[in-house]
PDB file of all heavy atoms in Angstrom:
ATOM      1  N   ILE A   1      12.123 -42.397  -7.992  1.00  0.00           N
ATOM      2  CA  ILE A   1      10.994 -42.299  -8.947  1.00  0.00           C
ATOM      3  C   ILE A   1       9.709 -41.904  -8.125  1.00  0.00           C
ATOM      4  O   ILE A   1       9.485 -42.365  -6.964  1.00  0.00           O
ATOM      5  CB  ILE A   1      10.704 -43.572  -9.741  1.00  0.00           C
ATOM      6  CG1 ILE A   1       9.644 -43.408 -10.759  1.00  0.00           C
ATOM      7  CG2 ILE A   1      10.366 -44.700  -8.784  1.00  0.00           C
ATOM      8  CD1 ILE A   1       9.553 -44.538 -11.778  1.00  0.00           C
ATOM      9  N   ALA A   2       8.961 -41.022  -8.677  1.00  0.00           N
ATOM     10  CA  ALA A   2       7.662 -40.551  -8.008  1.00  0.00           C
ATOM     11  C   ALA A   2       6.680 -41.647  -8.041  1.00  0.00           C
ATOM     12  O   ALA A   2       6.784 -42.646  -8.682  1.00  0.00           O
ATOM     13  CB  ALA A   2       7.122 -39.333  -8.779  1.00  0.00           C
ATOM     14  N   ARG A   3       5.661 -41.481  -7.153  1.00  0.00           N
ATOM     15  CA  ARG A   3       4.621 -42.484  -6.974  1.00  0.00           C
ATOM     16  C   ARG A   3       3.972 -42.949  -8.214  1.00  0.00           C
ATOM     17  O   ARG A   3       3.665 -44.117  -8.392  1.00  0.00           O
ATOM     18  CB  ARG A   3       3.593 -41.939  -5.962  1.00  0.00           C
ATOM     19  CG  ARG A   3       4.137 -41.605  -4.603  1.00  0.00           C
ATOM     20  CD  ARG A   3       3.089 -41.373  -3.565  1.00  0.00           C
ATOM     21  NE  ARG A   3       2.176 -40.315  -3.808  1.00  0.00           N
ATOM     22  CZ  ARG A   3       1.296 -39.864  -2.968  1.00  0.00           C
ATOM     23  NH1 ARG A   3       1.162 -40.397  -1.775  1.00  0.00           N
ATOM     24  NH2 ARG A   3       0.500 -38.838  -3.333  1.00  0.00           N
ATOM     25  N   THR A   4       3.676 -41.930  -9.072  1.00  0.00           N
ATOM     26  CA  THR A   4       3.019 -42.367 -10.360  1.00  0.00           C
ATOM     27  C   THR A   4       4.035 -42.689 -11.537  1.00  0.00           C
ATOM     28  O   THR A   4       3.526 -43.077 -12.619  1.00  0.00           O
ATOM     29  CB  THR A   4       2.179 -41.193 -10.840  1.00  0.00           C
ATOM     30  OG1 THR A   4       2.948 -40.040 -11.151  1.00  0.00           O
ATOM     31  CG2 THR A   4       1.084 -40.898  -9.805  1.00  0.00           C
ATOM     32  N   GLY A   5       5.208 -42.549 -11.247  1.00  0.00           N
ATOM     33  CA  GLY A   5       6.282 -42.818 -12.245  1.00  0.00           C
ATOM     34  C   GLY A   5       6.506 -41.714 -13.271  1.00  0.00           C
ATOM     35  O   GLY A   5       7.267 -41.811 -14.161  1.00  0.00           O
ATOM     36  N   ASP A   6       5.823 -40.529 -12.948  1.00  0.00           N
ATOM     37  CA  ASP A   6       5.963 -39.392 -13.887  1.00  0.00           C
ATOM     38  C   ASP A   6       7.307 -38.569 -13.754  1.00  0.00           C
ATOM     39  O   ASP A   6       7.582 -37.791 -14.720  1.00  0.00           O
ATOM     40  CB  ASP A   6       4.676 -38.498 -13.820  1.00  0.00           C
ATOM     41  CG  ASP A   6       4.553 -37.848 -12.429  1.00  0.00           C
ATOM     42  OD1 ASP A   6       4.925 -38.554 -11.401  1.00  0.00           O
ATOM     43  OD2 ASP A   6       4.056 -36.762 -12.365  1.00  0.00           O
ATOM     44  N   ARG A   7       7.924 -38.698 -12.685  1.00  0.00           N
ATOM     45  CA  ARG A   7       9.184 -37.985 -12.475  1.00  0.00           C
ATOM     46  C   ARG A   7      10.315 -39.011 -11.985  1.00  0.00           C
ATOM     47  O   ARG A   7       9.992 -39.789 -11.090  1.00  0.00           O
ATOM     48  CB  ARG A   7       8.990 -36.902 -11.392  1.00  0.00           C
ATOM     49  CG  ARG A   7       8.098 -35.732 -11.959  1.00  0.00           C
ATOM     50  CD  ARG A   7       8.065 -34.691 -10.815  1.00  0.00           C
ATOM     51  NE  ARG A   7       7.401 -35.171  -9.714  1.00  0.00           N
ATOM     52  CZ  ARG A   7       7.420 -34.690  -8.364  1.00  0.00           C
ATOM     53  NH1 ARG A   7       8.208 -33.608  -8.188  1.00  0.00           N
ATOM     54  NH2 ARG A   7       6.710 -35.215  -7.388  1.00  0.00           N
ATOM     55  N   THR A   8      11.457 -38.786 -12.504  1.00  0.00           N
ATOM     56  CA  THR A   8      12.561 -39.562 -12.088  1.00  0.00           C
ATOM     57  C   THR A   8      13.803 -38.602 -11.958  1.00  0.00           C
ATOM     58  O   THR A   8      13.919 -37.596 -12.724  1.00  0.00           O
ATOM     59  CB  THR A   8      12.994 -40.728 -13.149  1.00  0.00           C
ATOM     60  OG1 THR A   8      13.195 -40.061 -14.417  1.00  0.00           O
ATOM     61  CG2 THR A   8      11.776 -41.665 -13.177  1.00  0.00           C
ATOM     62  N   TYR A   9      14.737 -38.977 -11.069  1.00  0.00           N
ATOM     63  CA  TYR A   9      15.935 -38.240 -10.819  1.00  0.00           C
ATOM     64  C   TYR A   9      17.096 -39.221 -10.650  1.00  0.00           C
ATOM     65  O   TYR A   9      16.921 -40.276 -10.036  1.00  0.00           O
ATOM     66  CB  TYR A   9      15.810 -37.284  -9.599  1.00  0.00           C
ATOM     67  CG  TYR A   9      14.782 -36.296  -9.797  1.00  0.00           C
ATOM     68  CD1 TYR A   9      13.445 -36.534  -9.346  1.00  0.00           C
ATOM     69  CD2 TYR A   9      14.990 -35.080 -10.501  1.00  0.00           C
ATOM     70  CE1 TYR A   9      12.492 -35.575  -9.472  1.00  0.00           C
ATOM     71  CE2 TYR A   9      14.020 -34.138 -10.592  1.00  0.00           C
ATOM     72  CZ  TYR A   9      12.756 -34.403 -10.177  1.00  0.00           C
ATOM     73  OH  TYR A   9      11.730 -33.457 -10.300  1.00  0.00           O
ATOM     74  N   TYR A  10      18.325 -38.791 -11.067  1.00  0.00           N
ATOM     75  CA  TYR A  10      19.425 -39.737 -11.016  1.00  0.00           C
ATOM     76  C   TYR A  10      20.626 -39.011 -10.453  1.00  0.00           C
ATOM     77  O   TYR A  10      20.748 -37.782 -10.652  1.00  0.00           O
ATOM     78  CB  TYR A  10      19.779 -40.233 -12.462  1.00  0.00           C
ATOM     79  CG  TYR A  10      18.654 -41.020 -13.079  1.00  0.00           C
ATOM     80  CD1 TYR A  10      17.749 -40.422 -13.840  1.00  0.00           C
ATOM     81  CD2 TYR A  10      18.615 -42.414 -12.955  1.00  0.00           C
ATOM     82  CE1 TYR A  10      16.701 -41.117 -14.488  1.00  0.00           C
ATOM     83  CE2 TYR A  10      17.626 -43.162 -13.517  1.00  0.00           C
ATOM     84  CZ  TYR A  10      16.623 -42.505 -14.254  1.00  0.00           C
ATOM     85  OH  TYR A  10      15.719 -43.287 -14.829  1.00  0.00           O
ATOM     86  N   ALA A  11      21.553 -39.772  -9.832  1.00  0.00           N
ATOM     87  CA  ALA A  11      22.800 -39.182  -9.530  1.00  0.00           C
ATOM     88  C   ALA A  11      23.632 -39.019 -10.716  1.00  0.00           C
ATOM     89  O   ALA A  11      23.509 -39.731 -11.770  1.00  0.00           O
ATOM     90  CB  ALA A  11      23.535 -40.198  -8.639  1.00  0.00           C
ATOM     91  N   ASP A  12      24.478 -37.948 -10.698  1.00  0.00           N
ATOM     92  CA  ASP A  12      25.334 -37.725 -11.946  1.00  0.00           C
ATOM     93  C   ASP A  12      26.089 -38.869 -12.353  1.00  0.00           C
ATOM     94  O   ASP A  12      26.339 -39.008 -13.554  1.00  0.00           O
ATOM     95  CB  ASP A  12      26.200 -36.507 -11.650  1.00  0.00           C
ATOM     96  CG  ASP A  12      25.395 -35.098 -11.580  1.00  0.00           C
ATOM     97  OD1 ASP A  12      24.294 -35.103 -12.004  1.00  0.00           O
ATOM     98  OD2 ASP A  12      26.038 -34.195 -11.033  1.00  0.00           O
ATOM     99  N   SER A  13      26.596 -39.662 -11.385  1.00  0.00           N
ATOM    100  CA  SER A  13      27.392 -40.757 -11.714  1.00  0.00           C
ATOM    101  C   SER A  13      26.726 -41.916 -12.547  1.00  0.00           C
ATOM    102  O   SER A  13      27.382 -42.683 -13.133  1.00  0.00           O
ATOM    103  CB  SER A  13      27.961 -41.391 -10.351  1.00  0.00           C
ATOM    104  OG  SER A  13      26.904 -41.753  -9.526  1.00  0.00           O
ATOM    105  N   VAL A  14      25.417 -41.929 -12.499  1.00  0.00           N
ATOM    106  CA  VAL A  14      24.721 -42.953 -13.327  1.00  0.00           C
ATOM    107  C   VAL A  14      23.798 -42.467 -14.319  1.00  0.00           C
ATOM    108  O   VAL A  14      23.238 -43.265 -15.166  1.00  0.00           O
ATOM    109  CB  VAL A  14      23.838 -43.862 -12.299  1.00  0.00           C
ATOM    110  CG1 VAL A  14      24.676 -44.317 -11.180  1.00  0.00           C
ATOM    111  CG2 VAL A  14      22.582 -43.089 -11.789  1.00  0.00           C
ATOM    112  N   LYS A  15      23.690 -41.137 -14.417  1.00  0.00           N
ATOM    113  CA  LYS A  15      22.749 -40.556 -15.360  1.00  0.00           C
ATOM    114  C   LYS A  15      23.197 -40.956 -16.796  1.00  0.00           C
ATOM    115  O   LYS A  15      24.357 -40.899 -17.152  1.00  0.00           O
ATOM    116  CB  LYS A  15      22.779 -39.031 -15.265  1.00  0.00           C
ATOM    117  CG  LYS A  15      21.695 -38.282 -15.945  1.00  0.00           C
ATOM    118  CD  LYS A  15      21.729 -36.754 -15.538  1.00  0.00           C
ATOM    119  CE  LYS A  15      21.488 -36.612 -14.124  1.00  0.00           C
ATOM    120  NZ  LYS A  15      21.505 -35.194 -13.720  1.00  0.00           N
ATOM    121  N   GLY A  16      22.188 -41.260 -17.634  1.00  0.00           N
ATOM    122  CA  GLY A  16      22.445 -41.753 -18.971  1.00  0.00           C
ATOM    123  C   GLY A  16      22.737 -43.208 -19.140  1.00  0.00           C
ATOM    124  O   GLY A  16      22.730 -43.773 -20.211  1.00  0.00           O
ATOM    125  N   ARG A  17      23.062 -43.918 -18.082  1.00  0.00           N
ATOM    126  CA  ARG A  17      23.329 -45.306 -18.065  1.00  0.00           C
ATOM    127  C   ARG A  17      22.289 -46.202 -17.327  1.00  0.00           C
ATOM    128  O   ARG A  17      21.982 -47.306 -17.751  1.00  0.00           O
ATOM    129  CB  ARG A  17      24.706 -45.562 -17.404  1.00  0.00           C
ATOM    130  CG  ARG A  17      25.774 -44.878 -18.069  1.00  0.00           C
ATOM    131  CD  ARG A  17      27.200 -45.267 -17.542  1.00  0.00           C
ATOM    132  NE  ARG A  17      27.334 -44.856 -16.069  1.00  0.00           N
ATOM    133  CZ  ARG A  17      27.470 -45.779 -15.144  1.00  0.00           C
ATOM    134  NH1 ARG A  17      27.583 -47.108 -15.390  1.00  0.00           N
ATOM    135  NH2 ARG A  17      27.625 -45.364 -13.931  1.00  0.00           N
ATOM    136  N   PHE A  18      21.706 -45.658 -16.272  1.00  0.00           N
ATOM    137  CA  PHE A  18      20.719 -46.324 -15.432  1.00  0.00           C
ATOM    138  C   PHE A  18      19.310 -45.776 -15.676  1.00  0.00           C
ATOM    139  O   PHE A  18      19.172 -44.500 -15.934  1.00  0.00           O
ATOM    140  CB  PHE A  18      20.968 -46.217 -13.999  1.00  0.00           C
ATOM    141  CG  PHE A  18      22.183 -46.961 -13.493  1.00  0.00           C
ATOM    142  CD1 PHE A  18      23.102 -47.474 -14.359  1.00  0.00           C
ATOM    143  CD2 PHE A  18      22.443 -47.018 -12.148  1.00  0.00           C
ATOM    144  CE1 PHE A  18      24.258 -48.117 -13.878  1.00  0.00           C
ATOM    145  CE2 PHE A  18      23.561 -47.678 -11.644  1.00  0.00           C
ATOM    146  CZ  PHE A  18      24.449 -48.216 -12.539  1.00  0.00           C
ATOM    147  N   THR A  19      18.321 -46.582 -15.609  1.00  0.00           N
ATOM    148  CA  THR A  19      16.886 -46.152 -15.785  1.00  0.00           C
ATOM    149  C   THR A  19      16.008 -46.860 -14.715  1.00  0.00           C
ATOM    150  O   THR A  19      16.060 -48.091 -14.507  1.00  0.00           O
ATOM    151  CB  THR A  19      16.372 -46.599 -17.214  1.00  0.00           C
ATOM    152  OG1 THR A  19      17.080 -46.070 -18.238  1.00  0.00           O
ATOM    153  CG2 THR A  19      14.859 -46.038 -17.279  1.00  0.00           C
ATOM    154  N   ILE A  20      15.384 -45.976 -13.902  1.00  0.00           N
ATOM    155  CA  ILE A  20      14.642 -46.499 -12.850  1.00  0.00           C
ATOM    156  C   ILE A  20      13.069 -46.448 -13.481  1.00  0.00           C
ATOM    157  O   ILE A  20      12.652 -45.617 -14.170  1.00  0.00           O
ATOM    158  CB  ILE A  20      14.556 -45.587 -11.673  1.00  0.00           C
ATOM    159  CG1 ILE A  20      13.826 -46.204 -10.395  1.00  0.00           C
ATOM    160  CG2 ILE A  20      14.207 -44.163 -11.841  1.00  0.00           C
ATOM    161  CD1 ILE A  20      14.061 -45.514  -9.114  1.00  0.00           C
ATOM    162  N   SER A  21      12.330 -47.494 -13.062  1.00  0.00           N
ATOM    163  CA  SER A  21      10.927 -47.586 -13.474  1.00  0.00           C
ATOM    164  C   SER A  21      10.168 -48.375 -12.428  1.00  0.00           C
ATOM    165  O   SER A  21      10.733 -48.904 -11.512  1.00  0.00           O
ATOM    166  CB  SER A  21      10.876 -48.272 -14.812  1.00  0.00           C
ATOM    167  OG  SER A  21      11.282 -49.577 -14.838  1.00  0.00           O
ATOM    168  N   ARG A  22       8.815 -48.360 -12.552  1.00  0.00           N
ATOM    169  CA  ARG A  22       7.983 -49.072 -11.541  1.00  0.00           C
ATOM    170  C   ARG A  22       6.732 -49.611 -12.288  1.00  0.00           C
ATOM    171  O   ARG A  22       6.276 -48.937 -13.250  1.00  0.00           O
ATOM    172  CB  ARG A  22       7.675 -48.223 -10.419  1.00  0.00           C
ATOM    173  CG  ARG A  22       6.746 -47.022 -10.699  1.00  0.00           C
ATOM    174  CD  ARG A  22       6.663 -46.029  -9.567  1.00  0.00           C
ATOM    175  NE  ARG A  22       6.043 -46.680  -8.382  1.00  0.00           N
ATOM    176  CZ  ARG A  22       6.138 -46.191  -7.161  1.00  0.00           C
ATOM    177  NH1 ARG A  22       6.843 -45.041  -6.794  1.00  0.00           N
ATOM    178  NH2 ARG A  22       5.516 -46.764  -6.110  1.00  0.00           N
ATOM    179  N   ASP A  23       6.184 -50.645 -11.785  1.00  0.00           N
ATOM    180  CA  ASP A  23       4.994 -51.170 -12.314  1.00  0.00           C
ATOM    181  C   ASP A  23       4.093 -51.312 -11.071  1.00  0.00           C
ATOM    182  O   ASP A  23       4.190 -52.318 -10.337  1.00  0.00           O
ATOM    183  CB  ASP A  23       5.208 -52.519 -12.952  1.00  0.00           C
ATOM    184  CG  ASP A  23       3.916 -53.102 -13.637  1.00  0.00           C
ATOM    185  OD1 ASP A  23       2.823 -52.662 -13.208  1.00  0.00           O
ATOM    186  OD2 ASP A  23       4.021 -53.905 -14.579  1.00  0.00           O
ATOM    187  N   ASN A  24       3.211 -50.390 -10.840  1.00  0.00           N
ATOM    188  CA  ASN A  24       2.417 -50.327  -9.595  1.00  0.00           C
ATOM    189  C   ASN A  24       1.391 -51.492  -9.611  1.00  0.00           C
ATOM    190  O   ASN A  24       0.994 -51.897  -8.533  1.00  0.00           O
ATOM    191  CB  ASN A  24       1.683 -48.993  -9.496  1.00  0.00           C
ATOM    192  CG  ASN A  24       2.515 -47.841  -9.111  1.00  0.00           C
ATOM    193  OD1 ASN A  24       3.740 -48.064  -8.739  1.00  0.00           O
ATOM    194  ND2 ASN A  24       2.114 -46.588  -9.234  1.00  0.00           N
ATOM    195  N   ALA A  25       1.004 -51.981 -10.789  1.00  0.00           N
ATOM    196  CA  ALA A  25       0.056 -53.095 -10.826  1.00  0.00           C
ATOM    197  C   ALA A  25       0.698 -54.370 -10.366  1.00  0.00           C
ATOM    198  O   ALA A  25       0.025 -55.289  -9.832  1.00  0.00           O
ATOM    199  CB  ALA A  25      -0.524 -53.287 -12.234  1.00  0.00           C
ATOM    200  N   LYS A  26       2.018 -54.487 -10.450  1.00  0.00           N
ATOM    201  CA  LYS A  26       2.812 -55.680 -10.014  1.00  0.00           C
ATOM    202  C   LYS A  26       3.583 -55.395  -8.692  1.00  0.00           C
ATOM    203  O   LYS A  26       4.256 -56.266  -8.237  1.00  0.00           O
ATOM    204  CB  LYS A  26       3.755 -56.068 -11.045  1.00  0.00           C
ATOM    205  CG  LYS A  26       3.125 -56.548 -12.387  1.00  0.00           C
ATOM    206  CD  LYS A  26       4.117 -56.949 -13.427  1.00  0.00           C
ATOM    207  CE  LYS A  26       3.391 -57.510 -14.645  1.00  0.00           C
ATOM    208  NZ  LYS A  26       4.391 -57.973 -15.664  1.00  0.00           N
ATOM    209  N   ASN A  27       3.345 -54.235  -8.124  1.00  0.00           N
ATOM    210  CA  ASN A  27       4.093 -53.921  -6.886  1.00  0.00           C
ATOM    211  C   ASN A  27       5.671 -54.144  -7.056  1.00  0.00           C
ATOM    212  O   ASN A  27       6.268 -54.698  -6.139  1.00  0.00           O
ATOM    213  CB  ASN A  27       3.636 -54.668  -5.746  1.00  0.00           C
ATOM    214  CG  ASN A  27       2.306 -54.134  -5.108  1.00  0.00           C
ATOM    215  OD1 ASN A  27       1.652 -53.355  -5.707  1.00  0.00           O
ATOM    216  ND2 ASN A  27       1.991 -54.538  -3.849  1.00  0.00           N
ATOM    217  N   THR A  28       6.187 -53.657  -8.105  1.00  0.00           N
ATOM    218  CA  THR A  28       7.586 -53.921  -8.430  1.00  0.00           C
ATOM    219  C   THR A  28       8.298 -52.658  -8.931  1.00  0.00           C
ATOM    220  O   THR A  28       7.823 -51.892  -9.731  1.00  0.00           O
ATOM    221  CB  THR A  28       7.728 -54.997  -9.450  1.00  0.00           C
ATOM    222  OG1 THR A  28       7.085 -56.140  -8.984  1.00  0.00           O
ATOM    223  CG2 THR A  28       9.180 -55.374  -9.623  1.00  0.00           C
ATOM    224  N   LEU A  29       9.514 -52.524  -8.423  1.00  0.00           N
ATOM    225  CA  LEU A  29      10.409 -51.411  -8.765  1.00  0.00           C
ATOM    226  C   LEU A  29      11.537 -52.022  -9.610  1.00  0.00           C
ATOM    227  O   LEU A  29      12.031 -53.119  -9.245  1.00  0.00           O
ATOM    228  CB  LEU A  29      10.940 -50.697  -7.628  1.00  0.00           C
ATOM    229  CG  LEU A  29      11.975 -49.652  -7.725  1.00  0.00           C
ATOM    230  CD1 LEU A  29      11.390 -48.379  -8.341  1.00  0.00           C
ATOM    231  CD2 LEU A  29      12.700 -49.297  -6.440  1.00  0.00           C
ATOM    232  N   TYR A  30      12.087 -51.291 -10.564  1.00  0.00           N
ATOM    233  CA  TYR A  30      13.150 -51.839 -11.423  1.00  0.00           C
ATOM    234  C   TYR A  30      14.291 -50.898 -11.529  1.00  0.00           C
ATOM    235  O   TYR A  30      14.064 -49.566 -11.407  1.00  0.00           O
ATOM    236  CB  TYR A  30      12.679 -52.164 -12.833  1.00  0.00           C
ATOM    237  CG  TYR A  30      11.540 -53.106 -12.920  1.00  0.00           C
ATOM    238  CD1 TYR A  30      10.249 -52.729 -13.027  1.00  0.00           C
ATOM    239  CD2 TYR A  30      11.780 -54.421 -12.828  1.00  0.00           C
ATOM    240  CE1 TYR A  30       9.114 -53.515 -13.152  1.00  0.00           C
ATOM    241  CE2 TYR A  30      10.689 -55.317 -12.918  1.00  0.00           C
ATOM    242  CZ  TYR A  30       9.433 -54.861 -13.023  1.00  0.00           C
ATOM    243  OH  TYR A  30       8.421 -55.765 -13.108  1.00  0.00           O
ATOM    244  N   LEU A  31      15.471 -51.305 -11.759  1.00  0.00           N
ATOM    245  CA  LEU A  31      16.654 -50.499 -12.147  1.00  0.00           C
ATOM    246  C   LEU A  31      17.371 -51.165 -13.280  1.00  0.00           C
ATOM    247  O   LEU A  31      18.036 -52.166 -13.049  1.00  0.00           O
ATOM    248  CB  LEU A  31      17.520 -50.261 -10.915  1.00  0.00           C
ATOM    249  CG  LEU A  31      18.698 -49.323 -11.265  1.00  0.00           C
ATOM    250  CD1 LEU A  31      18.153 -47.888 -11.438  1.00  0.00           C
ATOM    251  CD2 LEU A  31      19.754 -49.345 -10.075  1.00  0.00           C
ATOM    252  N   GLN A  32      17.201 -50.625 -14.407  1.00  0.00           N
ATOM    253  CA  GLN A  32      17.961 -51.139 -15.613  1.00  0.00           C
ATOM    254  C   GLN A  32      19.354 -50.491 -15.570  1.00  0.00           C
ATOM    255  O   GLN A  32      19.438 -49.174 -15.682  1.00  0.00           O
ATOM    256  CB  GLN A  32      17.251 -50.817 -16.857  1.00  0.00           C
ATOM    257  CG  GLN A  32      17.972 -51.278 -18.179  1.00  0.00           C
ATOM    258  CD  GLN A  32      18.094 -52.772 -18.198  1.00  0.00           C
ATOM    259  OE1 GLN A  32      17.194 -53.524 -18.022  1.00  0.00           O
ATOM    260  NE2 GLN A  32      19.315 -53.259 -18.540  1.00  0.00           N
ATOM    261  N   MET A  33      20.430 -51.217 -15.526  1.00  0.00           N
ATOM    262  CA  MET A  33      21.791 -50.725 -15.531  1.00  0.00           C
ATOM    263  C   MET A  33      22.528 -51.138 -16.728  1.00  0.00           C
ATOM    264  O   MET A  33      22.794 -52.374 -17.008  1.00  0.00           O
ATOM    265  CB  MET A  33      22.580 -51.218 -14.350  1.00  0.00           C
ATOM    266  CG  MET A  33      21.739 -50.902 -12.977  1.00  0.00           C
ATOM    267  SD  MET A  33      22.671 -51.381 -11.495  1.00  0.00           S
ATOM    268  CE  MET A  33      22.782 -53.153 -11.784  1.00  0.00           C
ATOM    269  N   ASN A  34      22.904 -50.165 -17.617  1.00  0.00           N
ATOM    270  CA  ASN A  34      23.666 -50.441 -18.828  1.00  0.00           C
ATOM    271  C   ASN A  34      25.072 -49.855 -18.746  1.00  0.00           C
ATOM    272  O   ASN A  34      25.324 -48.887 -17.907  1.00  0.00           O
ATOM    273  CB  ASN A  34      22.947 -49.859 -20.029  1.00  0.00           C
ATOM    274  CG  ASN A  34      21.576 -50.483 -20.235  1.00  0.00           C
ATOM    275  OD1 ASN A  34      21.366 -51.656 -19.959  1.00  0.00           O
ATOM    276  ND2 ASN A  34      20.631 -49.714 -20.763  1.00  0.00           N
ATOM    277  N   ASN A  35      25.939 -50.267 -19.621  1.00  0.00           N
ATOM    278  CA  ASN A  35      27.317 -49.743 -19.689  1.00  0.00           C
ATOM    279  C   ASN A  35      27.904 -49.766 -18.300  1.00  0.00           C
ATOM    280  O   ASN A  35      28.519 -48.674 -17.823  1.00  0.00           O
ATOM    281  CB  ASN A  35      27.315 -48.407 -20.321  1.00  0.00           C
ATOM    282  CG  ASN A  35      28.681 -47.958 -20.722  1.00  0.00           C
ATOM    283  OD1 ASN A  35      29.611 -48.719 -20.813  1.00  0.00           O
ATOM    284  ND2 ASN A  35      28.934 -46.674 -20.807  1.00  0.00           N
ATOM    285  N   LEU A  36      27.868 -50.747 -17.533  1.00  0.00           N
ATOM    286  CA  LEU A  36      28.383 -50.856 -16.196  1.00  0.00           C
ATOM    287  C   LEU A  36      29.867 -50.639 -16.094  1.00  0.00           C
ATOM    288  O   LEU A  36      30.625 -51.071 -16.961  1.00  0.00           O
ATOM    289  CB  LEU A  36      27.998 -52.133 -15.480  1.00  0.00           C
ATOM    290  CG  LEU A  36      26.475 -52.251 -15.043  1.00  0.00           C
ATOM    291  CD1 LEU A  36      26.047 -53.644 -14.860  1.00  0.00           C
ATOM    292  CD2 LEU A  36      26.279 -51.424 -13.820  1.00  0.00           C
ATOM    293  N   ARG A  37      30.273 -49.990 -15.017  1.00  0.00           N
ATOM    294  CA  ARG A  37      31.671 -49.765 -14.783  1.00  0.00           C
ATOM    295  C   ARG A  37      32.125 -50.333 -13.471  1.00  0.00           C
ATOM    296  O   ARG A  37      31.278 -50.559 -12.559  1.00  0.00           O
ATOM    297  CB  ARG A  37      31.920 -48.148 -14.697  1.00  0.00           C
ATOM    298  CG  ARG A  37      31.392 -47.442 -15.908  1.00  0.00           C
ATOM    299  CD  ARG A  37      31.348 -45.883 -15.573  1.00  0.00           C
ATOM    300  NE  ARG A  37      30.927 -45.158 -16.739  1.00  0.00           N
ATOM    301  CZ  ARG A  37      30.561 -43.868 -16.729  1.00  0.00           C
ATOM    302  NH1 ARG A  37      30.704 -43.249 -15.511  1.00  0.00           N
ATOM    303  NH2 ARG A  37      30.233 -43.239 -17.813  1.00  0.00           N
ATOM    304  N   PRO A  38      33.447 -50.611 -13.274  1.00  0.00           N
ATOM    305  CA  PRO A  38      33.875 -51.148 -11.950  1.00  0.00           C
ATOM    306  C   PRO A  38      33.419 -50.340 -10.809  1.00  0.00           C
ATOM    307  O   PRO A  38      33.172 -50.884  -9.737  1.00  0.00           O
ATOM    308  CB  PRO A  38      35.368 -51.157 -12.165  1.00  0.00           C
ATOM    309  CG  PRO A  38      35.634 -51.437 -13.611  1.00  0.00           C
ATOM    310  CD  PRO A  38      34.488 -50.553 -14.273  1.00  0.00           C
ATOM    311  N   GLU A  39      33.429 -49.088 -10.889  1.00  0.00           N
ATOM    312  CA  GLU A  39      33.053 -48.170  -9.815  1.00  0.00           C
ATOM    313  C   GLU A  39      31.505 -48.268  -9.451  1.00  0.00           C
ATOM    314  O   GLU A  39      31.136 -47.718  -8.408  1.00  0.00           O
ATOM    315  CB  GLU A  39      33.352 -46.690 -10.081  1.00  0.00           C
ATOM    316  CG  GLU A  39      32.833 -46.191 -11.398  1.00  0.00           C
ATOM    317  CD  GLU A  39      33.921 -46.149 -12.509  1.00  0.00           C
ATOM    318  OE1 GLU A  39      34.568 -47.275 -12.661  1.00  0.00           O
ATOM    319  OE2 GLU A  39      33.986 -45.227 -13.327  1.00  0.00           O
ATOM    320  N   ASP A  40      30.723 -48.962 -10.177  1.00  0.00           N
ATOM    321  CA  ASP A  40      29.396 -49.307  -9.940  1.00  0.00           C
ATOM    322  C   ASP A  40      29.279 -50.436  -8.885  1.00  0.00           C
ATOM    323  O   ASP A  40      28.104 -50.683  -8.445  1.00  0.00           O
ATOM    324  CB  ASP A  40      28.518 -49.601 -11.159  1.00  0.00           C
ATOM    325  CG  ASP A  40      28.401 -48.456 -12.082  1.00  0.00           C
ATOM    326  OD1 ASP A  40      28.256 -47.283 -11.548  1.00  0.00           O
ATOM    327  OD2 ASP A  40      28.519 -48.708 -13.340  1.00  0.00           O
ATOM    328  N   THR A  41      30.336 -51.155  -8.678  1.00  0.00           N
ATOM    329  CA  THR A  41      30.289 -52.251  -7.655  1.00  0.00           C
ATOM    330  C   THR A  41      29.878 -51.785  -6.274  1.00  0.00           C
ATOM    331  O   THR A  41      30.460 -50.956  -5.718  1.00  0.00           O
ATOM    332  CB  THR A  41      31.672 -52.901  -7.670  1.00  0.00           C
ATOM    333  OG1 THR A  41      32.002 -53.467  -8.874  1.00  0.00           O
ATOM    334  CG2 THR A  41      31.760 -53.989  -6.564  1.00  0.00           C
ATOM    335  N   ALA A  42      28.773 -52.440  -5.844  1.00  0.00           N
ATOM    336  CA  ALA A  42      28.338 -52.102  -4.505  1.00  0.00           C
ATOM    337  C   ALA A  42      27.073 -53.049  -4.246  1.00  0.00           C
ATOM    338  O   ALA A  42      26.619 -53.849  -5.083  1.00  0.00           O
ATOM    339  CB  ALA A  42      27.681 -50.634  -4.607  1.00  0.00           C
ATOM    340  N   VAL A  43      26.588 -52.933  -2.995  1.00  0.00           N
ATOM    341  CA  VAL A  43      25.323 -53.593  -2.673  1.00  0.00           C
ATOM    342  C   VAL A  43      24.291 -52.578  -2.989  1.00  0.00           C
ATOM    343  O   VAL A  43      24.352 -51.428  -2.547  1.00  0.00           O
ATOM    344  CB  VAL A  43      25.264 -53.988  -1.200  1.00  0.00           C
ATOM    345  CG1 VAL A  43      23.838 -54.527  -0.822  1.00  0.00           C
ATOM    346  CG2 VAL A  43      26.316 -55.001  -0.851  1.00  0.00           C
ATOM    347  N   TYR A  44      23.261 -52.941  -3.758  1.00  0.00           N
ATOM    348  CA  TYR A  44      22.218 -52.127  -4.173  1.00  0.00           C
ATOM    349  C   TYR A  44      20.982 -52.335  -3.351  1.00  0.00           C
ATOM    350  O   TYR A  44      20.460 -53.490  -3.158  1.00  0.00           O
ATOM    351  CB  TYR A  44      21.897 -52.259  -5.624  1.00  0.00           C
ATOM    352  CG  TYR A  44      22.889 -51.565  -6.520  1.00  0.00           C
ATOM    353  CD1 TYR A  44      24.239 -52.080  -6.628  1.00  0.00           C
ATOM    354  CD2 TYR A  44      22.588 -50.410  -7.278  1.00  0.00           C
ATOM    355  CE1 TYR A  44      25.148 -51.448  -7.439  1.00  0.00           C
ATOM    356  CE2 TYR A  44      23.504 -49.736  -8.023  1.00  0.00           C
ATOM    357  CZ  TYR A  44      24.773 -50.222  -8.105  1.00  0.00           C
ATOM    358  OH  TYR A  44      25.749 -49.675  -8.878  1.00  0.00           O
ATOM    359  N   PHE A  45      20.380 -51.285  -2.744  1.00  0.00           N
ATOM    360  CA  PHE A  45      19.206 -51.340  -1.964  1.00  0.00           C
ATOM    361  C   PHE A  45      18.045 -50.576  -2.543  1.00  0.00           C
ATOM    362  O   PHE A  45      18.201 -49.548  -3.088  1.00  0.00           O
ATOM    363  CB  PHE A  45      19.468 -50.737  -0.539  1.00  0.00           C
ATOM    364  CG  PHE A  45      20.559 -51.414   0.217  1.00  0.00           C
ATOM    365  CD1 PHE A  45      21.824 -50.985   0.122  1.00  0.00           C
ATOM    366  CD2 PHE A  45      20.251 -52.418   1.205  1.00  0.00           C
ATOM    367  CE1 PHE A  45      22.868 -51.512   0.819  1.00  0.00           C
ATOM    368  CE2 PHE A  45      21.249 -52.937   1.851  1.00  0.00           C
ATOM    369  CZ  PHE A  45      22.506 -52.516   1.676  1.00  0.00           C
TER     370      PHE A  45
END
């Protein structure tokens, strides 16, 4: 996600299922993950 949150890009493997967002006032980044699959199993950084 871009600094202002105006642009986002996704890997093809997660597109349509994951949503990245940020709240700059709270210094926090988010990743909403829906319709999870076994192949999503990983450590997320």
